Amino acid sequence: MDKEQQILHHIRMNPFISQQELSSKVGLSRPAVANYIANLTRRGEIKGRGYILRDESSIVCIGGANTDRKARTNEKIRLYSSNPVKITETCGGVARNFAENLSRLGVNTSLIACVGDDKEGNWLLKETKSVGVDISQVWVLPTERTGTYTTLLDIDGESIVSMADMTIYERITTSMFEEKWSHIAASQAVFLDTNIPKKCISYMIKRCRDVNIPLYIDPVSSAKAQKLPFCLDGVELILPNREEAEILADIKIDSIKDCQIACEKIRKRGVQKIIITLGDQGVFYFSAEESGHLSPFKTNFVDVTGADDAFASCAIYGIMNEESLFSACQLGLAGAALTLQTEESISSFLKPEKLHEIIKEVSG
C-alpha cells in the first residue's frame, strides 16, 4: 500500500486524526503528510474539515433555485384582459428540482445555487433541506432577491406564458466555483443547468472534463442553450427539448428522422449521449451504442410544471445506476407521468419502486 493509500486508510478509521498522528503511523514528516492531504483535497478524495471522505454515490446539482408561482385559470384565457386565477407557490428551479427528485430516489445529493437573504430564499433552503438535500454549498447573497419563475396555466394545465426573474445568477463568478471545487470534485457526477453565466458554464465543462467527472447538462431554454460553448467534449449527457436541440444542431426538427440527424450533429460537438424531449410525442435517445424513440406513458394530466425536470432527473438516476439509455428513458417517462398527476412541481410519491411499477404496468 503506497503512502497516499495509507493516509486515506487511517483517515477512514479516524476522520479526526491529527497530521502529527498520521506522520508517525505512515513514517513521513508532518509537512509531507500535509502535502499529501492538500493533494487529496484538491482531487476531491477528501472534502472539508474533519477529513470528510469522498462520497461515491453523490451528485452535485448546479444552477437554478427559485420560487415557482403558478396562476391557473378555470376558464378559457382571454389575452389583453383580466383573467380570474388561483395562484399557488412551490419550490422550483431546475437544479433544485433535480436535487430534490434525485434525493427522493435515494441518491446522496447536494445543491450549488444562489438565493437572496429574504423570506423566499430562507423558505427554499428550509424546504430543500427537509427532503434530504445538502444545502451547505448554496450562496446566500444579501443584496439580491431570490429568483422567481411565474407561469400562467390554462384550463387544461398547459403553460400559456412563463416569466423568469433570474438576475441573481448574474452575480455568480468562476472564482466562486473555484472555492467550491473540492466539494464538486468529491462527487460521483455533476448536473448543470444553464441558469448560471456563460463563463461559469464553460469553466465547469472544462474542469469536469479535466478530472473525468461525468457531467449531465439541461439547456433549460432555447435562449439559455446559446450560452453553451461549441465544444462539449467530456459532457456525458445533454437533455434538450425540441427547440433547444434545433439550436444545438442548427437544423429544424419536424420528424423523428430529424431527431436522429440532430443528435448526430450534437454528438460531433463532443457529447456522449443525447435525449431530446418532444412533449406529447415522447423522447428520442441517442448514443454510439443505441438510439430510438419512445412515446410518453399515458397518465391522468393535472399540471405540466416539473414534468420535464422529473423525466431528466429520473433518466439520470438510471444512467448513474448503469442502466442502458433505453431503460434510463423508461425511468424518466415514468417519473414524468407521476409528476403530471400532481399540481406540485415534484411528486411526493417519487421512489424507485414506484417508477419500476409504472414501467411494468405500461410494458404489460
Protein backbone atom coordinates (compact mmCIF):
# COMPACT_ATOMS: atom_id res chain seq x y z
CA MET A 1 0.00 0.00 0.00
CA ASP A 2 1.52 3.37 -1.00
CA LYS A 3 1.72 6.35 1.37
CA GLU A 4 -1.35 8.05 -0.11
CA GLN A 5 -3.50 4.94 0.39
CA GLN A 6 -2.11 4.51 3.93
CA ILE A 7 -3.11 8.08 4.77
CA LEU A 8 -6.64 7.52 3.36
CA HIS A 9 -6.91 4.25 5.33
CA HIS A 10 -6.06 5.93 8.65
CA ILE A 11 -8.44 8.84 7.93
CA ARG A 12 -11.24 6.34 7.25
CA MET A 13 -10.53 4.74 10.62
CA ASN A 14 -10.47 8.13 12.35
CA PRO A 15 -11.66 11.20 10.37
CA PHE A 16 -10.37 13.48 13.16
CA ILE A 17 -6.83 12.07 13.30
CA SER A 18 -4.17 14.78 13.56
CA GLN A 19 -1.43 15.28 11.00
CA GLN A 20 1.13 14.50 13.72
CA GLU A 21 -0.52 11.12 14.39
CA LEU A 22 -0.64 10.39 10.66
CA SER A 23 3.03 11.31 10.45
CA SER A 24 4.06 8.66 12.99
CA LYS A 25 1.71 6.00 11.55
CA VAL A 26 2.90 6.25 7.93
CA GLY A 27 6.54 7.17 8.60
CA LEU A 28 6.55 10.62 6.99
CA SER A 29 7.32 14.11 8.28
CA ARG A 30 4.30 16.24 9.24
CA PRO A 31 4.92 18.69 6.31
CA ALA A 32 4.98 15.71 3.92
CA VAL A 33 1.65 14.47 5.34
CA ALA A 34 0.20 17.98 4.93
CA ASN A 35 1.32 17.90 1.30
CA TYR A 36 -0.41 14.57 0.67
CA ILE A 37 -3.60 15.85 2.32
CA ALA A 38 -3.55 19.04 0.20
CA ASN A 39 -3.26 16.92 -2.97
CA LEU A 40 -6.05 14.58 -1.85
CA THR A 41 -8.29 17.57 -1.08
CA ARG A 42 -7.53 19.17 -4.44
CA ARG A 43 -8.51 15.94 -6.20
CA GLY A 44 -11.69 15.66 -4.14
CA GLU A 45 -10.75 12.45 -2.29
CA ILE A 46 -11.06 14.45 0.94
CA LYS A 47 -13.51 17.31 1.42
CA GLY A 48 -13.99 19.77 4.26
CA ARG A 49 -12.73 19.84 7.82
CA GLY A 50 -12.61 16.66 9.85
CA TYR A 51 -11.29 14.95 6.69
CA ILE A 52 -14.72 14.12 5.27
CA LEU A 53 -14.04 11.44 2.67
CA ARG A 54 -15.36 11.35 -0.88
CA ASP A 55 -18.91 10.01 -1.13
CA GLU A 56 -19.02 7.57 -4.04
CA SER A 57 -22.80 7.76 -4.56
CA SER A 58 -23.29 11.54 -4.70
CA ILE A 59 -24.21 14.08 -7.35
CA VAL A 60 -23.79 17.85 -7.17
CA CYS A 61 -26.62 19.81 -8.84
CA ILE A 62 -25.55 23.27 -10.02
CA GLY A 63 -27.84 26.03 -11.29
CA GLY A 64 -31.29 27.43 -10.57
CA ALA A 65 -33.15 27.54 -7.27
CA ASN A 66 -36.21 29.78 -7.19
CA THR A 67 -39.86 30.01 -6.26
CA ASP A 68 -42.40 28.72 -8.81
CA ARG A 69 -45.59 30.78 -8.91
CA LYS A 70 -48.42 29.21 -10.87
CA ALA A 71 -51.50 31.17 -11.88
CA ARG A 72 -54.19 28.73 -13.01
CA THR A 73 -57.49 29.65 -14.66
CA ASN A 74 -60.69 27.59 -14.68
CA GLU A 75 -61.91 29.06 -17.95
CA LYS A 76 -60.52 29.91 -21.37
CA ILE A 77 -57.78 32.56 -21.11
CA ARG A 78 -58.51 35.96 -22.64
CA LEU A 79 -55.35 37.74 -23.76
CA TYR A 80 -55.02 41.50 -23.08
CA SER A 81 -57.68 41.20 -20.38
CA SER A 82 -58.04 40.40 -16.68
CA ASN A 83 -58.34 36.65 -16.00
CA PRO A 84 -59.56 35.15 -12.72
CA VAL A 85 -56.89 32.72 -11.49
CA LYS A 86 -55.84 30.68 -8.47
CA ILE A 87 -52.19 31.30 -7.54
CA THR A 88 -50.00 28.69 -5.83
CA GLU A 89 -46.34 28.89 -4.86
CA THR A 90 -43.91 25.97 -4.74
CA CYS A 91 -40.15 25.41 -4.59
CA GLY A 92 -38.61 25.40 -8.06
CA GLY A 93 -35.53 25.95 -10.16
CA VAL A 94 -34.12 23.30 -12.49
CA ALA A 95 -31.06 22.31 -10.42
CA ARG A 96 -33.05 22.47 -7.18
CA ASN A 97 -35.82 20.29 -8.65
CA PHE A 98 -33.22 17.80 -9.87
CA ALA A 99 -31.64 17.71 -6.41
CA GLU A 100 -34.98 17.01 -4.73
CA ASN A 101 -36.03 14.41 -7.32
CA LEU A 102 -32.71 12.56 -7.02
CA SER A 103 -32.79 12.77 -3.22
CA ARG A 104 -36.28 11.22 -3.23
CA LEU A 105 -34.82 8.42 -5.38
CA GLY A 106 -32.22 7.70 -2.71
CA VAL A 107 -29.20 9.46 -4.24
CA ASN A 108 -26.95 11.48 -1.91
CA THR A 109 -27.38 14.94 -3.41
CA SER A 110 -26.03 18.43 -2.82
CA LEU A 111 -27.10 21.74 -4.34
CA ILE A 112 -24.93 24.63 -5.50
CA ALA A 113 -27.14 27.63 -6.31
CA CYS A 114 -27.76 31.13 -5.01
CA VAL A 115 -30.66 32.71 -3.17
CA GLY A 116 -31.27 36.12 -1.67
CA ASP A 117 -31.23 36.75 2.07
CA ASP A 118 -35.02 37.11 2.02
CA LYS A 119 -38.18 35.27 3.03
CA GLU A 120 -38.32 33.31 -0.25
CA GLY A 121 -34.67 32.27 -0.03
CA ASN A 122 -34.98 31.10 3.58
CA TRP A 123 -38.14 29.15 2.70
CA LEU A 124 -36.46 27.50 -0.31
CA LEU A 125 -33.48 26.37 1.75
CA LYS A 126 -35.63 25.05 4.59
CA GLU A 127 -37.90 23.07 2.24
CA THR A 128 -35.00 21.71 0.18
CA LYS A 129 -33.09 20.61 3.27
CA SER A 130 -36.22 18.88 4.62
CA VAL A 131 -36.18 16.41 1.68
CA GLY A 132 -32.58 15.36 2.36
CA VAL A 133 -30.63 17.65 0.01
CA ASP A 134 -27.31 19.05 1.30
CA ILE A 135 -27.74 22.85 1.04
CA SER A 136 -24.45 23.76 2.76
CA GLN A 137 -22.89 24.93 -0.53
CA VAL A 138 -25.68 27.36 -1.53
CA TRP A 139 -24.63 31.02 -1.73
CA VAL A 140 -26.89 33.43 0.18
CA LEU A 141 -26.44 36.88 -1.40
CA PRO A 142 -27.64 39.61 0.99
CA THR A 143 -28.25 42.36 -1.59
CA GLU A 144 -30.10 40.23 -4.17
CA ARG A 145 -33.67 38.93 -4.49
CA THR A 146 -34.31 35.19 -4.77
CA GLY A 147 -35.19 34.15 -8.33
CA THR A 148 -38.83 33.66 -9.33
CA TYR A 149 -40.50 31.73 -12.14
CA THR A 150 -44.12 32.68 -12.83
CA THR A 151 -46.32 30.72 -15.25
CA LEU A 152 -49.91 31.09 -16.46
CA LEU A 153 -51.71 27.76 -16.89
CA ASP A 154 -54.87 27.29 -18.94
CA ILE A 155 -57.88 25.17 -18.02
CA ASP A 156 -56.05 22.02 -19.23
CA GLY A 157 -52.92 22.68 -17.15
CA GLU A 158 -50.85 23.73 -20.18
CA SER A 159 -48.47 26.66 -19.77
CA ILE A 160 -49.56 29.70 -21.85
CA VAL A 161 -46.74 32.05 -20.90
CA SER A 162 -43.88 31.95 -18.38
CA MET A 163 -41.78 34.74 -16.88
CA ALA A 164 -38.45 34.21 -15.14
CA ASP A 165 -36.62 36.74 -12.95
CA MET A 166 -33.16 35.19 -12.62
CA THR A 167 -31.00 38.32 -12.37
CA ILE A 168 -29.44 36.99 -9.14
CA TYR A 169 -27.43 34.45 -11.20
CA GLU A 170 -25.55 37.24 -12.95
CA ARG A 171 -23.66 37.71 -9.67
CA ILE A 172 -22.01 34.26 -9.86
CA THR A 173 -18.34 34.17 -10.96
CA THR A 174 -15.86 31.43 -11.86
CA SER A 175 -13.83 32.23 -8.72
CA MET A 176 -16.90 31.38 -6.63
CA PHE A 177 -16.92 27.93 -8.25
CA GLU A 178 -13.16 27.64 -7.70
CA GLU A 179 -13.83 27.98 -3.97
CA LYS A 180 -16.35 25.11 -4.18
CA TRP A 181 -14.13 22.89 -6.32
CA SER A 182 -13.03 20.40 -3.63
CA HIS A 183 -16.71 19.72 -2.87
CA ILE A 184 -17.58 19.36 -6.58
CA ALA A 185 -14.59 17.12 -7.30
CA ALA A 186 -15.63 14.78 -4.48
CA SER A 187 -18.86 13.85 -6.28
CA GLN A 188 -19.58 10.84 -8.46
CA ALA A 189 -21.27 13.11 -11.04
CA VAL A 190 -22.30 16.72 -11.70
CA PHE A 191 -25.60 18.03 -13.05
CA LEU A 192 -25.53 21.53 -14.56
CA ASP A 193 -28.30 23.78 -15.82
CA THR A 194 -27.69 26.90 -17.91
CA ASN A 195 -29.08 29.47 -15.46
CA ILE A 196 -25.50 30.32 -14.44
CA PRO A 197 -23.37 32.75 -16.51
CA LYS A 198 -21.76 31.65 -19.79
CA LYS A 199 -18.19 31.82 -18.43
CA CYS A 200 -19.15 29.65 -15.47
CA ILE A 201 -20.72 27.03 -17.77
CA SER A 202 -17.51 26.82 -19.85
CA TYR A 203 -15.43 26.67 -16.66
CA MET A 204 -17.47 23.76 -15.24
CA ILE A 205 -17.38 21.79 -18.51
CA LYS A 206 -13.58 22.12 -18.71
CA ARG A 207 -12.94 21.31 -15.03
CA CYS A 208 -15.19 18.24 -15.07
CA ARG A 209 -13.55 17.04 -18.29
CA ASP A 210 -10.04 17.54 -16.84
CA VAL A 211 -10.75 15.30 -13.83
CA ASN A 212 -13.09 12.90 -15.67
CA ILE A 213 -16.28 13.61 -13.67
CA PRO A 214 -19.44 12.63 -15.60
CA LEU A 215 -21.34 15.83 -16.45
CA TYR A 216 -25.05 15.98 -17.30
CA ILE A 217 -26.48 19.21 -18.78
CA ASP A 218 -30.02 20.57 -19.13
CA PRO A 219 -30.04 23.56 -21.53
CA VAL A 220 -33.17 24.97 -19.72
CA SER A 221 -34.48 27.14 -22.60
CA SER A 222 -33.76 27.95 -26.24
CA ALA A 223 -32.31 31.32 -25.19
CA LYS A 224 -30.08 29.85 -22.47
CA ALA A 225 -28.95 26.93 -24.68
CA GLN A 226 -26.97 29.54 -26.64
CA LYS A 227 -24.71 30.02 -23.59
CA LEU A 228 -23.20 26.56 -24.16
CA PRO A 229 -19.75 26.53 -25.82
CA PHE A 230 -19.48 24.79 -29.20
CA CYS A 231 -17.02 22.25 -27.81
CA LEU A 232 -18.86 19.95 -25.39
CA ASP A 233 -16.07 17.37 -25.00
CA GLY A 234 -16.45 15.48 -21.72
CA VAL A 235 -20.22 16.02 -21.42
CA GLU A 236 -21.73 12.58 -20.82
CA LEU A 237 -25.38 13.55 -21.37
CA ILE A 238 -27.36 16.53 -22.61
CA LEU A 239 -31.16 16.74 -22.36
CA PRO A 240 -32.57 19.40 -24.72
CA ASN A 241 -36.20 19.79 -25.75
CA ARG A 242 -37.04 20.12 -29.47
CA GLU A 243 -36.33 23.88 -29.69
CA GLU A 244 -33.08 23.62 -27.73
CA ALA A 245 -31.95 20.68 -29.89
CA GLU A 246 -32.65 22.76 -33.03
CA ILE A 247 -30.30 25.45 -31.70
CA LEU A 248 -27.60 22.97 -30.64
CA ALA A 249 -27.72 21.14 -34.00
CA ASP A 250 -28.52 24.20 -36.13
CA ILE A 251 -31.31 22.36 -38.01
CA LYS A 252 -35.13 22.35 -37.99
CA ILE A 253 -36.69 19.29 -36.36
CA ASP A 254 -40.01 18.26 -37.92
CA SER A 255 -39.80 14.47 -37.62
CA ILE A 256 -38.23 11.58 -35.72
CA LYS A 257 -35.73 11.22 -38.57
CA ASP A 258 -34.74 14.87 -37.99
CA CYS A 259 -34.11 13.97 -34.33
CA GLN A 260 -31.59 11.34 -35.44
CA ILE A 261 -29.79 13.86 -37.68
CA ALA A 262 -29.81 16.50 -34.90
CA CYS A 263 -28.34 14.02 -32.40
CA GLU A 264 -25.57 13.05 -34.83
CA LYS A 265 -24.68 16.74 -35.21
CA ILE A 266 -24.77 17.39 -31.45
CA ARG A 267 -22.61 14.32 -30.81
CA LYS A 268 -19.95 15.78 -33.14
CA ARG A 269 -19.66 18.62 -30.62
CA GLY A 270 -18.35 16.08 -28.06
CA VAL A 271 -21.45 14.88 -26.14
CA GLN A 272 -21.61 11.13 -25.44
CA LYS A 273 -25.39 10.73 -25.00
CA ILE A 274 -28.35 12.87 -26.09
CA ILE A 275 -32.02 12.68 -25.10
CA ILE A 276 -34.40 15.05 -26.90
CA THR A 277 -37.72 15.58 -25.11
CA LEU A 278 -40.64 16.02 -27.52
CA GLY A 279 -43.59 16.83 -25.25
CA ASP A 280 -46.62 14.72 -26.16
CA GLN A 281 -44.50 12.88 -28.75
CA GLY A 282 -42.26 11.37 -26.09
CA VAL A 283 -38.46 11.30 -26.31
CA PHE A 284 -35.68 10.43 -28.75
CA TYR A 285 -32.47 8.98 -27.32
CA PHE A 286 -29.07 8.59 -28.99
CA SER A 287 -25.58 7.30 -28.23
CA ALA A 288 -22.87 5.35 -30.07
CA GLU A 289 -24.45 2.12 -28.81
CA GLU A 290 -28.19 2.72 -29.14
CA SER A 291 -30.86 5.10 -30.39
CA GLY A 292 -34.62 5.15 -30.66
CA HIS A 293 -37.95 6.84 -30.00
CA LEU A 294 -40.26 6.25 -27.03
CA SER A 295 -43.83 7.53 -26.67
CA PRO A 296 -44.94 9.10 -23.37
CA PHE A 297 -46.66 6.94 -20.77
CA LYS A 298 -50.42 7.56 -20.57
CA THR A 299 -51.46 9.19 -17.31
CA ASN A 300 -54.04 11.47 -15.66
CA PHE A 301 -52.98 15.00 -16.61
CA VAL A 302 -53.13 17.73 -13.94
CA ASP A 303 -50.20 20.13 -14.43
CA VAL A 304 -47.14 20.13 -16.76
CA THR A 305 -44.86 22.07 -14.39
CA GLY A 306 -41.91 19.95 -13.27
CA ALA A 307 -42.61 17.03 -15.64
CA ASP A 308 -39.52 17.72 -17.80
CA ASP A 309 -37.33 18.01 -14.70
CA ALA A 310 -38.78 14.73 -13.39
CA PHE A 311 -38.09 12.99 -16.72
CA ALA A 312 -34.49 14.21 -16.88
CA SER A 313 -33.62 13.52 -13.24
CA CYS A 314 -35.11 10.00 -13.35
CA ALA A 315 -33.22 9.30 -16.60
CA ILE A 316 -30.01 10.48 -14.92
CA TYR A 317 -30.81 8.22 -11.95
CA GLY A 318 -30.91 5.32 -14.44
CA ILE A 319 -27.60 6.30 -16.04
CA MET A 320 -25.92 6.64 -12.63
CA ASN A 321 -27.11 3.09 -11.93
CA GLU A 322 -25.56 1.89 -15.22
CA GLU A 323 -28.87 1.28 -16.98
CA SER A 324 -28.98 1.36 -20.80
CA LEU A 325 -30.12 4.64 -22.36
CA PHE A 326 -33.40 2.94 -23.34
CA SER A 327 -34.04 1.83 -19.72
CA ALA A 328 -32.99 5.25 -18.39
CA CYS A 329 -35.57 6.88 -20.69
CA GLN A 330 -38.25 4.48 -19.43
CA LEU A 331 -37.46 5.54 -15.86
CA GLY A 332 -37.66 9.17 -16.99
CA LEU A 333 -41.05 8.69 -18.66
CA ALA A 334 -42.35 7.00 -15.51
CA GLY A 335 -41.14 9.95 -13.40
CA ALA A 336 -42.75 12.45 -15.77
CA ALA A 337 -46.07 10.53 -15.70
CA LEU A 338 -46.02 10.57 -11.91
CA THR A 339 -45.34 14.33 -11.79
CA LEU A 340 -48.07 15.16 -14.33
CA GLN A 341 -50.60 13.72 -11.86
CA THR A 342 -49.96 16.46 -9.27
CA GLU A 343 -50.15 20.26 -9.05
CA GLU A 344 -46.80 20.19 -7.25
CA SER A 345 -43.57 20.61 -9.27
CA ILE A 346 -42.34 17.37 -7.67
CA SER A 347 -44.34 14.27 -6.82
CA SER A 348 -44.17 13.13 -3.19
CA PHE A 349 -44.65 9.55 -4.50
CA LEU A 350 -41.34 9.57 -6.40
CA LYS A 351 -39.48 6.39 -5.41
CA PRO A 352 -37.51 3.81 -7.46
CA GLU A 353 -40.04 1.04 -6.78
CA LYS A 354 -42.90 3.30 -7.97
CA LEU A 355 -41.06 4.02 -11.24
CA HIS A 356 -40.50 0.30 -11.88
CA GLU A 357 -44.15 -0.36 -11.05
CA ILE A 358 -45.29 2.17 -13.69
CA ILE A 359 -42.88 0.72 -16.29
CA LYS A 360 -44.19 -2.78 -15.56
CA GLU A 361 -47.82 -1.61 -16.00
CA VAL A 362 -47.02 0.11 -19.32
CA SER A 363 -44.99 -2.78 -20.72
CA GLY A 364 -47.78 -5.21 -19.73
